[in-house]
Structure formats: structure tokens, C-alpha cells
Amino acid sequence: MIRDAVVSHNSPGRLRVKIAALKGDVGALTACKEQFAQCPDISAVEVNETTGSMLFLHETSMAVIAEYAGRKIFLSCRNNRGEGEVTPGIFTKI
């Protein structure tokens, strides 16, 4: 199942995405966290089930994380202005 992810914050070493479909879904967010933990350039992943967000602490680029998301976790990403679908796995900074 492809889920929409929206980048809400991006700065060097930190990336936060929100996945509305996973809001309140502890099991799904935990499963995503475990998948991202296998990405070698991500040092930590924090999830917030109340907001459906994931915070990545990393030593890589947003593009690498987005590619991993599209390949392993099937996140389809869009910007928060609702301007439509972006290529699966590609996060768009707002």
C-alpha cells in the first residue's frame, strides 16, 4: 500500500515527514521505523503516533532517504500545499 508522506521540516541532519494515513497507527509507524533503521546513513528515527510524523536524524541527503522510502516502505511523497503527486519516494521540501 502506498501512503502519502509530506515533508514538514528539513535541515542538515534532520528530516521530519508527516504521514496522515498513519496518524494513531502505532503498529504501522513502528514497522516503518524498523525498516528505516536498516538504512545505513540514518542514525535514529523517532515516531509520533499522535501526529503521524517521523523524525530522521541522518548523515545523508533527503534524496537518499526518499529513495529508500520509495523502494522499501512504499511512501509516495507530496508537498504540503496539496499540489499533487510527486514521483514515489521523492520528498519535496516546502
N, C-alpha and C. Protein backbone atom coordinates (compact mmCIF):
# COMPACT_ATOMS: atom_id res chain seq x y z
N MET A 1 0.83 -1.18 0.00
CA MET A 1 0.00 0.00 0.00
C MET A 1 0.88 1.25 0.00
N ILE A 2 0.61 2.16 -0.91
CA ILE A 2 1.37 3.40 -0.98
C ILE A 2 0.67 4.44 -0.11
N ARG A 3 1.45 5.10 0.71
CA ARG A 3 0.94 6.15 1.59
C ARG A 3 1.59 7.47 1.21
N ASP A 4 0.84 8.55 1.35
CA ASP A 4 1.39 9.88 1.07
C ASP A 4 2.17 10.38 2.27
N ALA A 5 3.36 10.90 2.01
CA ALA A 5 4.19 11.50 3.05
C ALA A 5 4.48 12.94 2.66
N VAL A 6 4.43 13.83 3.62
CA VAL A 6 4.68 15.24 3.39
C VAL A 6 5.86 15.68 4.24
N VAL A 7 6.83 16.32 3.61
CA VAL A 7 7.97 16.86 4.36
C VAL A 7 7.50 18.11 5.08
N SER A 8 7.63 18.10 6.40
CA SER A 8 7.24 19.29 7.16
C SER A 8 8.46 20.08 7.62
N HIS A 9 9.63 19.45 7.62
CA HIS A 9 10.85 20.15 8.06
C HIS A 9 12.06 19.42 7.50
N ASN A 10 13.02 20.21 7.02
CA ASN A 10 14.26 19.63 6.53
C ASN A 10 15.40 20.60 6.84
N SER A 11 16.37 20.12 7.59
CA SER A 11 17.58 20.89 7.86
C SER A 11 18.73 19.89 7.91
N PRO A 12 19.97 20.36 7.86
CA PRO A 12 21.09 19.42 7.85
C PRO A 12 21.01 18.43 9.02
N GLY A 13 20.96 17.16 8.68
CA GLY A 13 20.95 16.11 9.70
C GLY A 13 19.59 15.78 10.27
N ARG A 14 18.54 16.53 9.89
CA ARG A 14 17.18 16.30 10.42
C ARG A 14 16.16 16.40 9.29
N LEU A 15 15.25 15.45 9.28
CA LEU A 15 14.16 15.46 8.31
C LEU A 15 12.90 14.96 9.01
N ARG A 16 11.82 15.75 8.94
CA ARG A 16 10.55 15.33 9.52
C ARG A 16 9.52 15.21 8.40
N VAL A 17 8.84 14.06 8.36
CA VAL A 17 7.75 13.85 7.41
C VAL A 17 6.50 13.48 8.18
N LYS A 18 5.36 13.87 7.63
CA LYS A 18 4.08 13.50 8.22
C LYS A 18 3.35 12.59 7.24
N ILE A 19 2.75 11.55 7.79
CA ILE A 19 2.01 10.56 7.00
C ILE A 19 0.62 10.47 7.62
N ALA A 20 -0.31 11.24 7.06
CA ALA A 20 -1.65 11.35 7.64
C ALA A 20 -2.32 9.99 7.81
N ALA A 21 -2.11 9.10 6.88
CA ALA A 21 -2.75 7.78 6.94
C ALA A 21 -2.29 6.95 8.13
N LEU A 22 -1.13 7.31 8.71
CA LEU A 22 -0.60 6.55 9.84
C LEU A 22 -0.84 7.22 11.18
N LYS A 23 -1.56 8.33 11.17
CA LYS A 23 -1.86 9.03 12.42
C LYS A 23 -2.62 8.08 13.35
N GLY A 24 -2.06 7.86 14.53
CA GLY A 24 -2.67 6.98 15.52
C GLY A 24 -2.37 5.50 15.33
N ASP A 25 -1.65 5.14 14.27
CA ASP A 25 -1.36 3.73 13.97
C ASP A 25 0.04 3.37 14.46
N VAL A 26 0.12 3.02 15.74
CA VAL A 26 1.41 2.72 16.37
C VAL A 26 2.12 1.57 15.66
N GLY A 27 1.38 0.54 15.31
CA GLY A 27 1.99 -0.63 14.66
C GLY A 27 2.63 -0.30 13.33
N ALA A 28 1.94 0.45 12.50
CA ALA A 28 2.48 0.80 11.18
C ALA A 28 3.68 1.74 11.31
N LEU A 29 3.60 2.70 12.21
CA LEU A 29 4.73 3.61 12.40
C LEU A 29 5.95 2.87 12.94
N THR A 30 5.72 1.93 13.84
CA THR A 30 6.82 1.13 14.38
C THR A 30 7.45 0.29 13.28
N ALA A 31 6.63 -0.28 12.42
CA ALA A 31 7.15 -1.08 11.29
C ALA A 31 7.98 -0.21 10.36
N CYS A 32 7.52 1.00 10.07
CA CYS A 32 8.30 1.93 9.23
C CYS A 32 9.61 2.27 9.91
N LYS A 33 9.55 2.55 11.19
CA LYS A 33 10.76 2.89 11.95
C LYS A 33 11.79 1.76 11.86
N GLU A 34 11.32 0.53 12.01
CA GLU A 34 12.23 -0.62 11.94
C GLU A 34 12.85 -0.76 10.55
N GLN A 35 12.07 -0.49 9.51
CA GLN A 35 12.61 -0.55 8.15
C GLN A 35 13.67 0.53 7.94
N PHE A 36 13.38 1.76 8.37
CA PHE A 36 14.34 2.85 8.20
C PHE A 36 15.59 2.63 9.04
N ALA A 37 15.49 1.93 10.14
CA ALA A 37 16.66 1.66 10.98
C ALA A 37 17.71 0.84 10.22
N GLN A 38 17.31 0.18 9.16
CA GLN A 38 18.23 -0.62 8.36
C GLN A 38 18.98 0.22 7.33
N CYS A 39 18.58 1.45 7.14
CA CYS A 39 19.27 2.35 6.21
C CYS A 39 20.56 2.83 6.88
N PRO A 40 21.72 2.55 6.31
CA PRO A 40 22.98 2.81 7.00
C PRO A 40 23.27 4.27 7.31
N ASP A 41 22.71 5.21 6.58
CA ASP A 41 23.00 6.63 6.81
C ASP A 41 22.03 7.31 7.76
N ILE A 42 21.07 6.56 8.28
CA ILE A 42 20.12 7.10 9.25
C ILE A 42 20.56 6.65 10.64
N SER A 43 20.85 7.61 11.51
CA SER A 43 21.34 7.25 12.84
C SER A 43 20.21 7.01 13.83
N ALA A 44 19.06 7.64 13.62
CA ALA A 44 17.93 7.44 14.53
C ALA A 44 16.63 7.84 13.83
N VAL A 45 15.55 7.20 14.24
CA VAL A 45 14.22 7.53 13.76
C VAL A 45 13.30 7.63 14.97
N GLU A 46 12.60 8.73 15.07
CA GLU A 46 11.62 8.91 16.14
C GLU A 46 10.25 9.01 15.49
N VAL A 47 9.26 8.37 16.09
CA VAL A 47 7.90 8.43 15.55
C VAL A 47 6.97 9.09 16.57
N ASN A 48 5.97 9.76 16.07
CA ASN A 48 4.96 10.38 16.92
C ASN A 48 3.61 9.92 16.39
N GLU A 49 2.99 8.98 17.08
CA GLU A 49 1.73 8.42 16.61
C GLU A 49 0.59 9.42 16.68
N THR A 50 0.70 10.41 17.56
CA THR A 50 -0.36 11.42 17.68
C THR A 50 -0.47 12.26 16.41
N THR A 51 0.69 12.61 15.83
CA THR A 51 0.69 13.44 14.63
C THR A 51 0.92 12.63 13.35
N GLY A 52 1.32 11.38 13.49
CA GLY A 52 1.64 10.56 12.32
C GLY A 52 2.94 11.00 11.66
N SER A 53 3.87 11.50 12.47
CA SER A 53 5.12 12.00 11.90
C SER A 53 6.30 11.11 12.25
N MET A 54 7.34 11.25 11.43
CA MET A 54 8.60 10.55 11.65
C MET A 54 9.72 11.57 11.55
N LEU A 55 10.64 11.53 12.51
CA LEU A 55 11.81 12.40 12.51
C LEU A 55 13.03 11.53 12.25
N PHE A 56 13.80 11.90 11.22
CA PHE A 56 15.01 11.17 10.87
C PHE A 56 16.22 12.01 11.26
N LEU A 57 17.12 11.42 12.01
CA LEU A 57 18.42 12.01 12.27
C LEU A 57 19.38 11.26 11.36
N HIS A 58 20.09 11.99 10.52
CA HIS A 58 20.83 11.31 9.45
C HIS A 58 22.12 12.02 9.10
N GLU A 59 22.92 11.32 8.32
CA GLU A 59 24.17 11.85 7.80
C GLU A 59 24.20 11.66 6.29
N THR A 60 23.07 11.96 5.66
CA THR A 60 22.95 11.76 4.22
C THR A 60 22.07 12.86 3.65
N SER A 61 21.60 12.67 2.46
CA SER A 61 20.73 13.67 1.83
C SER A 61 19.27 13.22 1.91
N MET A 62 18.40 14.19 1.73
CA MET A 62 16.97 13.90 1.69
C MET A 62 16.68 12.94 0.53
N ALA A 63 17.40 13.08 -0.56
CA ALA A 63 17.18 12.23 -1.73
C ALA A 63 17.46 10.76 -1.43
N VAL A 64 18.49 10.48 -0.65
CA VAL A 64 18.82 9.10 -0.29
C VAL A 64 17.71 8.50 0.58
N ILE A 65 17.24 9.28 1.55
CA ILE A 65 16.16 8.79 2.41
C ILE A 65 14.89 8.58 1.60
N ALA A 66 14.61 9.50 0.68
CA ALA A 66 13.41 9.38 -0.16
C ALA A 66 13.49 8.16 -1.06
N GLU A 67 14.64 7.91 -1.62
CA GLU A 67 14.81 6.74 -2.48
C GLU A 67 14.60 5.46 -1.68
N TYR A 68 15.14 5.42 -0.48
CA TYR A 68 14.97 4.26 0.39
C TYR A 68 13.49 4.09 0.75
N ALA A 69 12.82 5.19 1.04
CA ALA A 69 11.39 5.14 1.37
C ALA A 69 10.57 4.57 0.21
N GLY A 70 10.85 5.02 -0.97
CA GLY A 70 10.11 4.55 -2.13
C GLY A 70 10.37 3.08 -2.44
N ARG A 71 11.60 2.65 -2.20
CA ARG A 71 11.98 1.27 -2.52
C ARG A 71 11.55 0.28 -1.44
N LYS A 72 11.68 0.65 -0.18
CA LYS A 72 11.45 -0.29 0.91
C LYS A 72 10.11 -0.12 1.62
N ILE A 73 9.61 1.09 1.67
CA ILE A 73 8.44 1.34 2.51
C ILE A 73 7.25 1.81 1.69
N PHE A 74 7.47 2.12 0.44
CA PHE A 74 6.40 2.50 -0.49
C PHE A 74 5.67 3.75 -0.05
N LEU A 75 6.44 4.81 0.23
CA LEU A 75 5.84 6.10 0.53
C LEU A 75 5.80 6.93 -0.75
N SER A 76 4.68 7.47 -1.04
CA SER A 76 4.52 8.40 -2.14
C SER A 76 4.47 9.78 -1.53
N CYS A 77 5.34 10.66 -1.96
CA CYS A 77 5.52 11.91 -1.25
C CYS A 77 5.00 13.10 -2.05
N ARG A 78 4.46 14.07 -1.32
CA ARG A 78 3.98 15.31 -1.94
C ARG A 78 4.29 16.46 -1.01
N ASN A 79 4.19 17.67 -1.55
CA ASN A 79 4.44 18.82 -0.68
C ASN A 79 3.19 19.15 0.10
N ASN A 80 3.31 20.02 1.10
CA ASN A 80 2.16 20.27 1.98
C ASN A 80 1.18 21.28 1.41
N ARG A 81 1.39 21.74 0.21
CA ARG A 81 0.44 22.65 -0.43
C ARG A 81 -0.61 21.89 -1.21
N GLY A 82 -0.53 20.56 -1.20
CA GLY A 82 -1.50 19.74 -1.91
C GLY A 82 -1.41 19.88 -3.42
N GLU A 83 -0.22 20.15 -3.91
CA GLU A 83 -0.05 20.39 -5.34
C GLU A 83 0.12 19.11 -6.15
N GLY A 84 -0.32 18.03 -5.60
CA GLY A 84 -0.34 16.82 -6.39
C GLY A 84 0.78 15.85 -6.10
N GLU A 85 0.66 14.74 -6.76
CA GLU A 85 1.57 13.62 -6.58
C GLU A 85 2.96 13.97 -7.08
N VAL A 86 3.94 13.54 -6.35
CA VAL A 86 5.33 13.67 -6.73
C VAL A 86 5.82 12.25 -6.98
N THR A 87 6.89 12.11 -7.74
CA THR A 87 7.42 10.79 -8.01
C THR A 87 7.57 9.97 -6.73
N PRO A 88 7.08 8.72 -6.68
CA PRO A 88 7.19 7.92 -5.47
C PRO A 88 8.61 7.92 -4.93
N GLY A 89 8.70 8.13 -3.63
CA GLY A 89 9.99 8.12 -2.97
C GLY A 89 10.71 9.46 -2.98
N ILE A 90 10.18 10.45 -3.68
CA ILE A 90 10.86 11.73 -3.74
C ILE A 90 10.15 12.70 -2.80
N PHE A 91 10.84 13.13 -1.76
CA PHE A 91 10.28 14.08 -0.83
C PHE A 91 10.45 15.47 -1.42
N THR A 92 9.47 16.31 -1.27
CA THR A 92 9.55 17.68 -1.76
C THR A 92 9.62 18.62 -0.57
N LYS A 93 10.68 19.38 -0.50
CA LYS A 93 10.82 20.34 0.59
C LYS A 93 9.86 21.49 0.35
N ILE A 94 9.19 21.92 1.42
CA ILE A 94 8.22 23.01 1.30
C ILE A 94 8.88 24.34 1.60
